Protein backbone atom coordinates (compact mmCIF):
# COMPACT_ATOMS: atom_id res chain seq x y z
CA UNK A 1 0.00 0.00 0.00
CA UNK A 2 1.22 3.46 -0.85
CA UNK A 3 0.40 6.20 1.69
CA UNK A 4 -0.75 9.27 -0.27
CA UNK A 5 1.77 12.12 -0.12
CA UNK A 6 0.51 15.49 1.07
CA UNK A 7 0.28 18.30 -1.49
CA UNK A 8 2.99 20.95 -1.52
CA UNK A 9 0.39 23.54 -0.52
CA UNK A 10 -0.93 21.48 2.43
CA UNK A 11 -0.95 24.27 5.05
CA UNK A 12 -2.84 26.65 2.75
CA UNK A 13 -5.12 23.84 1.59
CA UNK A 14 -6.06 23.03 5.19
CA UNK A 15 -6.66 26.72 5.96
CA UNK A 16 -9.07 26.91 2.99
CA UNK A 17 -10.81 23.74 4.17
CA UNK A 18 -11.19 24.98 7.76
CA UNK A 19 -12.50 28.34 6.51
CA UNK A 20 -15.52 26.52 5.06
CA UNK A 21 -16.65 25.52 8.58
CA UNK A 22 -17.96 22.20 7.25
CA UNK A 23 -15.88 19.58 9.08
CA UNK A 24 -17.86 17.56 11.63
CA UNK A 25 -21.13 19.27 10.72
CA UNK A 26 -24.43 17.33 10.52
CA UNK A 27 -25.63 15.85 7.22
CA UNK A 28 -27.17 18.31 4.77
CA UNK A 29 -29.78 17.43 2.17
CA UNK A 30 -28.01 19.53 -0.48
CA UNK A 31 -25.02 17.16 -0.35
CA UNK A 32 -26.92 13.97 0.50
CA UNK A 33 -29.02 14.29 -2.68
CA UNK A 34 -25.89 14.36 -4.83
CA UNK A 35 -24.42 11.14 -3.40
CA UNK A 36 -27.83 9.43 -3.50
CA UNK A 37 -28.15 10.34 -7.17
CA UNK A 38 -24.59 9.11 -7.86
CA UNK A 39 -25.27 5.66 -6.38
CA UNK A 40 -28.36 5.31 -8.57
CA UNK A 41 -26.85 6.77 -11.74
CA UNK A 42 -23.71 4.64 -11.59
CA UNK A 43 -25.32 1.61 -9.93
CA UNK A 44 -22.69 1.53 -7.17
CA UNK A 45 -23.17 0.66 -3.49
CA UNK A 46 -21.06 3.57 -2.18
CA UNK A 47 -20.83 7.27 -3.00
CA UNK A 48 -19.12 9.86 -0.82
CA UNK A 49 -18.31 13.52 -0.55
CA UNK A 50 -15.03 13.48 1.34
CA UNK A 51 -13.08 16.31 2.91
CA UNK A 52 -9.43 15.63 3.70
CA UNK A 53 -8.31 16.96 7.05
CA UNK A 54 -4.72 16.69 8.28
CA UNK A 55 -4.93 13.01 9.28
CA UNK A 56 -8.37 11.79 8.19
CA UNK A 57 -10.87 11.83 5.40
CA UNK A 58 -14.25 12.86 6.72
CA UNK A 59 -17.51 12.15 4.89
CA UNK A 60 -19.72 15.20 4.49
CA UNK A 61 -22.21 12.97 2.67
CA UNK A 62 -22.24 9.23 2.28
CA UNK A 63 -24.27 6.33 0.97
CA UNK A 64 -23.20 2.78 1.67
CA UNK A 65 -20.77 3.30 4.56
CA UNK A 66 -23.23 2.69 7.39
CA UNK A 67 -22.29 4.59 10.53
CA UNK A 68 -18.68 5.15 9.38
CA UNK A 69 -18.12 8.88 9.00
CA UNK A 70 -14.35 8.96 8.50
CA UNK A 71 -11.26 6.89 7.81
CA UNK A 72 -7.55 7.50 8.21
CA UNK A 73 -6.08 9.69 5.49
CA UNK A 74 -3.14 7.26 5.27
CA UNK A 75 -5.38 4.56 3.76
CA UNK A 76 -7.63 6.88 1.74
CA UNK A 77 -7.98 6.65 -2.02
CA UNK A 78 -9.09 10.29 -1.97
CA UNK A 79 -5.70 11.35 -0.59
CA UNK A 80 -4.25 10.23 -3.91
CA UNK A 81 -7.08 11.74 -5.96
CA UNK A 82 -6.61 15.30 -4.63
CA UNK A 83 -3.08 15.37 -6.04
CA UNK A 84 -4.44 15.66 -9.58
CA UNK A 85 -7.09 17.78 -11.27
CA UNK A 86 -8.64 15.06 -13.42
CA UNK A 87 -10.88 12.27 -12.15
CA UNK A 88 -8.85 9.37 -10.76
CA UNK A 89 -10.24 6.00 -11.84
CA UNK A 90 -9.01 2.72 -10.35
CA UNK A 91 -10.72 -0.08 -12.38
CA UNK A 92 -9.56 -2.84 -10.00
CA UNK A 93 -7.90 -1.85 -6.73
CA UNK A 94 -6.82 -5.45 -6.12
CA UNK A 95 -4.56 -5.19 -9.19
CA UNK A 96 -3.19 -1.71 -8.40
CA UNK A 97 0.05 -1.81 -6.36
CA UNK A 98 -0.92 1.43 -4.59
CA UNK A 99 -4.04 -0.17 -3.15
CA UNK A 100 -3.87 -4.00 -3.42
CA UNK A 101 -3.02 -4.52 0.27
CA UNK A 102 -5.01 -1.52 1.53
CA UNK A 103 -7.31 -2.50 4.44
CA UNK A 104 -10.26 -0.87 2.59
CA UNK A 105 -9.61 -3.35 -0.25
CA UNK A 106 -8.71 -6.47 1.76
CA UNK A 107 -11.48 -5.83 4.32
CA UNK A 108 -14.72 -3.85 4.55
CA UNK A 109 -15.94 -2.13 2.45
CA UNK A 110 -13.95 -4.34 -0.01
CA UNK A 111 -13.22 -1.63 -2.57
CA UNK A 112 -12.45 -2.92 -6.05
CA UNK A 113 -13.52 0.04 -8.21
CA UNK A 114 -12.94 3.68 -7.29
CA UNK A 115 -13.53 6.90 -9.19
CA UNK A 116 -12.78 10.15 -7.41
CA UNK A 117 -13.43 13.62 -8.79
CA UNK A 118 -11.29 16.17 -6.90
CA UNK A 119 -13.23 19.03 -5.31
CA UNK A 120 -11.10 22.05 -6.18
CA UNK A 121 -12.00 25.54 -4.98
CA UNK A 122 -11.70 28.46 -7.40
CA UNK A 123 -8.61 29.39 -5.33
CA UNK A 124 -7.03 26.13 -6.55
CA UNK A 125 -7.09 24.12 -3.32
CA UNK A 126 -8.34 20.52 -3.53
CA UNK A 127 -10.46 19.88 -0.44
CA UNK A 128 -11.52 16.30 -1.06
CA UNK A 129 -13.50 14.34 -3.61
CA UNK A 130 -16.84 13.24 -4.87
CA UNK A 131 -16.20 9.53 -5.27
CA UNK A 132 -18.06 6.43 -6.31
CA UNK A 133 -17.02 2.97 -5.16
CA UNK A 134 -17.96 -0.57 -6.13
CA UNK A 135 -17.10 -3.99 -4.77
CA UNK A 136 -16.66 -5.26 -8.34
CA UNK A 137 -14.07 -4.18 -10.92
CA UNK A 138 -15.43 -1.89 -13.62
CA UNK A 139 -14.63 1.04 -15.87
CA UNK A 140 -16.27 4.34 -16.78
CA UNK A 141 -16.92 5.47 -20.32
CA UNK A 142 -16.69 9.06 -21.51
CA UNK A 143 -20.33 9.83 -20.80
CA UNK A 144 -20.05 8.47 -17.25
CA UNK A 145 -16.91 10.53 -16.65
CA UNK A 146 -18.79 13.61 -17.87
CA UNK A 147 -21.70 12.87 -15.52
CA UNK A 148 -19.34 12.45 -12.56
CA UNK A 149 -17.63 15.71 -13.50
CA UNK A 150 -21.00 17.49 -13.64
CA UNK A 151 -21.91 16.13 -10.20
CA UNK A 152 -18.54 17.39 -8.92
CA UNK A 153 -19.43 20.86 -10.21
CA UNK A 154 -22.73 20.73 -8.31
CA UNK A 155 -20.83 19.91 -5.11
CA UNK A 156 -18.43 22.77 -5.79
CA UNK A 157 -21.30 25.21 -6.31
CA UNK A 158 -22.53 24.26 -2.84
CA UNK A 159 -19.05 24.46 -1.29
CA UNK A 160 -18.18 27.77 -2.93
CA UNK A 161 -21.56 29.11 -1.87
CA UNK A 162 -20.77 28.07 1.71
CA UNK A 163 -17.34 29.70 1.45
CA UNK A 164 -18.86 32.95 0.16
CA UNK A 165 -21.41 32.93 3.00
CA UNK A 166 -18.68 32.45 5.65
CA UNK A 167 -15.98 34.54 3.94
C-alpha atoms as a PDB file:
ATOM      1  CA  UNK A   1       0.000   0.000   0.000  1.00  0.00           C
ATOM      2  CA  UNK A   2       1.222   3.461  -0.849  1.00  0.00           C
ATOM      3  CA  UNK A   3       0.395   6.200   1.686  1.00  0.00           C
ATOM      4  CA  UNK A   4      -0.747   9.266  -0.272  1.00  0.00           C
ATOM      5  CA  UNK A   5       1.765  12.115  -0.121  1.00  0.00           C
ATOM      6  CA  UNK A   6       0.513  15.486   1.072  1.00  0.00           C
ATOM      7  CA  UNK A   7       0.279  18.295  -1.491  1.00  0.00           C
ATOM      8  CA  UNK A   8       2.993  20.947  -1.515  1.00  0.00           C
ATOM      9  CA  UNK A   9       0.391  23.537  -0.518  1.00  0.00           C
ATOM     10  CA  UNK A  10      -0.930  21.478   2.430  1.00  0.00           C
ATOM     11  CA  UNK A  11      -0.945  24.267   5.047  1.00  0.00           C
ATOM     12  CA  UNK A  12      -2.841  26.650   2.754  1.00  0.00           C
ATOM     13  CA  UNK A  13      -5.124  23.837   1.592  1.00  0.00           C
ATOM     14  CA  UNK A  14      -6.060  23.033   5.186  1.00  0.00           C
ATOM     15  CA  UNK A  15      -6.659  26.723   5.960  1.00  0.00           C
ATOM     16  CA  UNK A  16      -9.069  26.911   2.990  1.00  0.00           C
ATOM     17  CA  UNK A  17     -10.814  23.741   4.175  1.00  0.00           C
ATOM     18  CA  UNK A  18     -11.191  24.979   7.759  1.00  0.00           C
ATOM     19  CA  UNK A  19     -12.502  28.337   6.512  1.00  0.00           C
ATOM     20  CA  UNK A  20     -15.523  26.524   5.059  1.00  0.00           C
ATOM     21  CA  UNK A  21     -16.653  25.519   8.585  1.00  0.00           C
ATOM     22  CA  UNK A  22     -17.959  22.198   7.252  1.00  0.00           C
ATOM     23  CA  UNK A  23     -15.882  19.577   9.083  1.00  0.00           C
ATOM     24  CA  UNK A  24     -17.863  17.565  11.627  1.00  0.00           C
ATOM     25  CA  UNK A  25     -21.133  19.265  10.718  1.00  0.00           C
ATOM     26  CA  UNK A  26     -24.426  17.332  10.517  1.00  0.00           C
ATOM     27  CA  UNK A  27     -25.634  15.849   7.218  1.00  0.00           C
ATOM     28  CA  UNK A  28     -27.171  18.309   4.772  1.00  0.00           C
ATOM     29  CA  UNK A  29     -29.782  17.434   2.174  1.00  0.00           C
ATOM     30  CA  UNK A  30     -28.011  19.531  -0.484  1.00  0.00           C
ATOM     31  CA  UNK A  31     -25.024  17.161  -0.349  1.00  0.00           C
ATOM     32  CA  UNK A  32     -26.925  13.975   0.497  1.00  0.00           C
ATOM     33  CA  UNK A  33     -29.022  14.288  -2.677  1.00  0.00           C
ATOM     34  CA  UNK A  34     -25.893  14.357  -4.832  1.00  0.00           C
ATOM     35  CA  UNK A  35     -24.423  11.140  -3.402  1.00  0.00           C
ATOM     36  CA  UNK A  36     -27.831   9.434  -3.504  1.00  0.00           C
ATOM     37  CA  UNK A  37     -28.146  10.340  -7.175  1.00  0.00           C
ATOM     38  CA  UNK A  38     -24.588   9.113  -7.857  1.00  0.00           C
ATOM     39  CA  UNK A  39     -25.274   5.656  -6.379  1.00  0.00           C
ATOM     40  CA  UNK A  40     -28.364   5.311  -8.569  1.00  0.00           C
ATOM     41  CA  UNK A  41     -26.850   6.770 -11.741  1.00  0.00           C
ATOM     42  CA  UNK A  42     -23.706   4.637 -11.588  1.00  0.00           C
ATOM     43  CA  UNK A  43     -25.322   1.607  -9.926  1.00  0.00           C
ATOM     44  CA  UNK A  44     -22.695   1.530  -7.170  1.00  0.00           C
ATOM     45  CA  UNK A  45     -23.175   0.658  -3.493  1.00  0.00           C
ATOM     46  CA  UNK A  46     -21.064   3.565  -2.185  1.00  0.00           C
ATOM     47  CA  UNK A  47     -20.827   7.273  -2.997  1.00  0.00           C
ATOM     48  CA  UNK A  48     -19.116   9.860  -0.823  1.00  0.00           C
ATOM     49  CA  UNK A  49     -18.314  13.522  -0.554  1.00  0.00           C
ATOM     50  CA  UNK A  50     -15.030  13.478   1.344  1.00  0.00           C
ATOM     51  CA  UNK A  51     -13.078  16.307   2.913  1.00  0.00           C
ATOM     52  CA  UNK A  52      -9.426  15.630   3.697  1.00  0.00           C
ATOM     53  CA  UNK A  53      -8.315  16.955   7.052  1.00  0.00           C
ATOM     54  CA  UNK A  54      -4.716  16.685   8.282  1.00  0.00           C
ATOM     55  CA  UNK A  55      -4.929  13.009   9.276  1.00  0.00           C
ATOM     56  CA  UNK A  56      -8.369  11.786   8.191  1.00  0.00           C
ATOM     57  CA  UNK A  57     -10.869  11.828   5.402  1.00  0.00           C
ATOM     58  CA  UNK A  58     -14.252  12.858   6.720  1.00  0.00           C
ATOM     59  CA  UNK A  59     -17.506  12.146   4.891  1.00  0.00           C
ATOM     60  CA  UNK A  60     -19.722  15.195   4.485  1.00  0.00           C
ATOM     61  CA  UNK A  61     -22.213  12.970   2.667  1.00  0.00           C
ATOM     62  CA  UNK A  62     -22.242   9.229   2.277  1.00  0.00           C
ATOM     63  CA  UNK A  63     -24.274   6.334   0.975  1.00  0.00           C
ATOM     64  CA  UNK A  64     -23.201   2.779   1.670  1.00  0.00           C
ATOM     65  CA  UNK A  65     -20.770   3.302   4.560  1.00  0.00           C
ATOM     66  CA  UNK A  66     -23.228   2.692   7.390  1.00  0.00           C
ATOM     67  CA  UNK A  67     -22.286   4.587  10.529  1.00  0.00           C
ATOM     68  CA  UNK A  68     -18.676   5.146   9.380  1.00  0.00           C
ATOM     69  CA  UNK A  69     -18.124   8.876   8.997  1.00  0.00           C
ATOM     70  CA  UNK A  70     -14.354   8.961   8.495  1.00  0.00           C
ATOM     71  CA  UNK A  71     -11.264   6.889   7.810  1.00  0.00           C
ATOM     72  CA  UNK A  72      -7.552   7.499   8.209  1.00  0.00           C
ATOM     73  CA  UNK A  73      -6.078   9.688   5.489  1.00  0.00           C
ATOM     74  CA  UNK A  74      -3.145   7.260   5.271  1.00  0.00           C
ATOM     75  CA  UNK A  75      -5.382   4.559   3.756  1.00  0.00           C
ATOM     76  CA  UNK A  76      -7.632   6.881   1.735  1.00  0.00           C
ATOM     77  CA  UNK A  77      -7.979   6.652  -2.019  1.00  0.00           C
ATOM     78  CA  UNK A  78      -9.092  10.288  -1.965  1.00  0.00           C
ATOM     79  CA  UNK A  79      -5.704  11.348  -0.586  1.00  0.00           C
ATOM     80  CA  UNK A  80      -4.249  10.232  -3.911  1.00  0.00           C
ATOM     81  CA  UNK A  81      -7.081  11.741  -5.959  1.00  0.00           C
ATOM     82  CA  UNK A  82      -6.609  15.298  -4.630  1.00  0.00           C
ATOM     83  CA  UNK A  83      -3.077  15.367  -6.042  1.00  0.00           C
ATOM     84  CA  UNK A  84      -4.438  15.662  -9.581  1.00  0.00           C
ATOM     85  CA  UNK A  85      -7.087  17.779 -11.273  1.00  0.00           C
ATOM     86  CA  UNK A  86      -8.645  15.060 -13.422  1.00  0.00           C
ATOM     87  CA  UNK A  87     -10.884  12.274 -12.149  1.00  0.00           C
ATOM     88  CA  UNK A  88      -8.851   9.375 -10.756  1.00  0.00           C
ATOM     89  CA  UNK A  89     -10.236   6.001 -11.843  1.00  0.00           C
ATOM     90  CA  UNK A  90      -9.015   2.718 -10.354  1.00  0.00           C
ATOM     91  CA  UNK A  91     -10.721  -0.078 -12.376  1.00  0.00           C
ATOM     92  CA  UNK A  92      -9.564  -2.844  -9.996  1.00  0.00           C
ATOM     93  CA  UNK A  93      -7.900  -1.850  -6.733  1.00  0.00           C
ATOM     94  CA  UNK A  94      -6.817  -5.449  -6.120  1.00  0.00           C
ATOM     95  CA  UNK A  95      -4.565  -5.194  -9.188  1.00  0.00           C
ATOM     96  CA  UNK A  96      -3.187  -1.711  -8.404  1.00  0.00           C
ATOM     97  CA  UNK A  97       0.053  -1.813  -6.358  1.00  0.00           C
ATOM     98  CA  UNK A  98      -0.918   1.431  -4.594  1.00  0.00           C
ATOM     99  CA  UNK A  99      -4.039  -0.174  -3.152  1.00  0.00           C
ATOM    100  CA  UNK A 100      -3.874  -3.997  -3.424  1.00  0.00           C
ATOM    101  CA  UNK A 101      -3.017  -4.518   0.273  1.00  0.00           C
ATOM    102  CA  UNK A 102      -5.015  -1.515   1.529  1.00  0.00           C
ATOM    103  CA  UNK A 103      -7.314  -2.498   4.439  1.00  0.00           C
ATOM    104  CA  UNK A 104     -10.257  -0.875   2.592  1.00  0.00           C
ATOM    105  CA  UNK A 105      -9.612  -3.353  -0.247  1.00  0.00           C
ATOM    106  CA  UNK A 106      -8.710  -6.470   1.759  1.00  0.00           C
ATOM    107  CA  UNK A 107     -11.480  -5.827   4.321  1.00  0.00           C
ATOM    108  CA  UNK A 108     -14.723  -3.853   4.547  1.00  0.00           C
ATOM    109  CA  UNK A 109     -15.942  -2.131   2.445  1.00  0.00           C
ATOM    110  CA  UNK A 110     -13.949  -4.344  -0.013  1.00  0.00           C
ATOM    111  CA  UNK A 111     -13.223  -1.630  -2.568  1.00  0.00           C
ATOM    112  CA  UNK A 112     -12.453  -2.922  -6.048  1.00  0.00           C
ATOM    113  CA  UNK A 113     -13.519   0.037  -8.214  1.00  0.00           C
ATOM    114  CA  UNK A 114     -12.935   3.677  -7.287  1.00  0.00           C
ATOM    115  CA  UNK A 115     -13.531   6.900  -9.195  1.00  0.00           C
ATOM    116  CA  UNK A 116     -12.779  10.154  -7.406  1.00  0.00           C
ATOM    117  CA  UNK A 117     -13.430  13.623  -8.787  1.00  0.00           C
ATOM    118  CA  UNK A 118     -11.294  16.174  -6.902  1.00  0.00           C
ATOM    119  CA  UNK A 119     -13.229  19.028  -5.308  1.00  0.00           C
ATOM    120  CA  UNK A 120     -11.104  22.048  -6.185  1.00  0.00           C
ATOM    121  CA  UNK A 121     -11.995  25.537  -4.979  1.00  0.00           C
ATOM    122  CA  UNK A 122     -11.696  28.465  -7.404  1.00  0.00           C
ATOM    123  CA  UNK A 123      -8.614  29.390  -5.328  1.00  0.00           C
ATOM    124  CA  UNK A 124      -7.027  26.132  -6.548  1.00  0.00           C
ATOM    125  CA  UNK A 125      -7.092  24.118  -3.317  1.00  0.00           C
ATOM    126  CA  UNK A 126      -8.337  20.525  -3.527  1.00  0.00           C
ATOM    127  CA  UNK A 127     -10.459  19.881  -0.443  1.00  0.00           C
ATOM    128  CA  UNK A 128     -11.522  16.300  -1.060  1.00  0.00           C
ATOM    129  CA  UNK A 129     -13.495  14.337  -3.605  1.00  0.00           C
ATOM    130  CA  UNK A 130     -16.835  13.240  -4.869  1.00  0.00           C
ATOM    131  CA  UNK A 131     -16.204   9.533  -5.270  1.00  0.00           C
ATOM    132  CA  UNK A 132     -18.065   6.434  -6.314  1.00  0.00           C
ATOM    133  CA  UNK A 133     -17.017   2.969  -5.159  1.00  0.00           C
ATOM    134  CA  UNK A 134     -17.960  -0.569  -6.128  1.00  0.00           C
ATOM    135  CA  UNK A 135     -17.100  -3.990  -4.769  1.00  0.00           C
ATOM    136  CA  UNK A 136     -16.657  -5.262  -8.336  1.00  0.00           C
ATOM    137  CA  UNK A 137     -14.066  -4.175 -10.915  1.00  0.00           C
ATOM    138  CA  UNK A 138     -15.435  -1.887 -13.617  1.00  0.00           C
ATOM    139  CA  UNK A 139     -14.635   1.041 -15.871  1.00  0.00           C
ATOM    140  CA  UNK A 140     -16.266   4.336 -16.778  1.00  0.00           C
ATOM    141  CA  UNK A 141     -16.920   5.467 -20.315  1.00  0.00           C
ATOM    142  CA  UNK A 142     -16.693   9.059 -21.510  1.00  0.00           C
ATOM    143  CA  UNK A 143     -20.327   9.827 -20.802  1.00  0.00           C
ATOM    144  CA  UNK A 144     -20.050   8.468 -17.254  1.00  0.00           C
ATOM    145  CA  UNK A 145     -16.910  10.534 -16.646  1.00  0.00           C
ATOM    146  CA  UNK A 146     -18.788  13.611 -17.871  1.00  0.00           C
ATOM    147  CA  UNK A 147     -21.701  12.871 -15.520  1.00  0.00           C
ATOM    148  CA  UNK A 148     -19.337  12.452 -12.555  1.00  0.00           C
ATOM    149  CA  UNK A 149     -17.634  15.711 -13.496  1.00  0.00           C
ATOM    150  CA  UNK A 150     -20.999  17.492 -13.639  1.00  0.00           C
ATOM    151  CA  UNK A 151     -21.909  16.135 -10.197  1.00  0.00           C
ATOM    152  CA  UNK A 152     -18.545  17.389  -8.916  1.00  0.00           C
ATOM    153  CA  UNK A 153     -19.431  20.863 -10.214  1.00  0.00           C
ATOM    154  CA  UNK A 154     -22.731  20.726  -8.313  1.00  0.00           C
ATOM    155  CA  UNK A 155     -20.827  19.909  -5.114  1.00  0.00           C
ATOM    156  CA  UNK A 156     -18.425  22.774  -5.791  1.00  0.00           C
ATOM    157  CA  UNK A 157     -21.296  25.210  -6.308  1.00  0.00           C
ATOM    158  CA  UNK A 158     -22.532  24.261  -2.844  1.00  0.00           C
ATOM    159  CA  UNK A 159     -19.048  24.456  -1.291  1.00  0.00           C
ATOM    160  CA  UNK A 160     -18.179  27.768  -2.931  1.00  0.00           C
ATOM    161  CA  UNK A 161     -21.559  29.107  -1.869  1.00  0.00           C
ATOM    162  CA  UNK A 162     -20.771  28.067   1.707  1.00  0.00           C
ATOM    163  CA  UNK A 163     -17.337  29.695   1.445  1.00  0.00           C
ATOM    164  CA  UNK A 164     -18.859  32.945   0.162  1.00  0.00           C
ATOM    165  CA  UNK A 165     -21.405  32.932   3.003  1.00  0.00           C
ATOM    166  CA  UNK A 166     -18.676  32.449   5.647  1.00  0.00           C
ATOM    167  CA  UNK A 167     -15.981  34.540   3.940  1.00  0.00           C
END
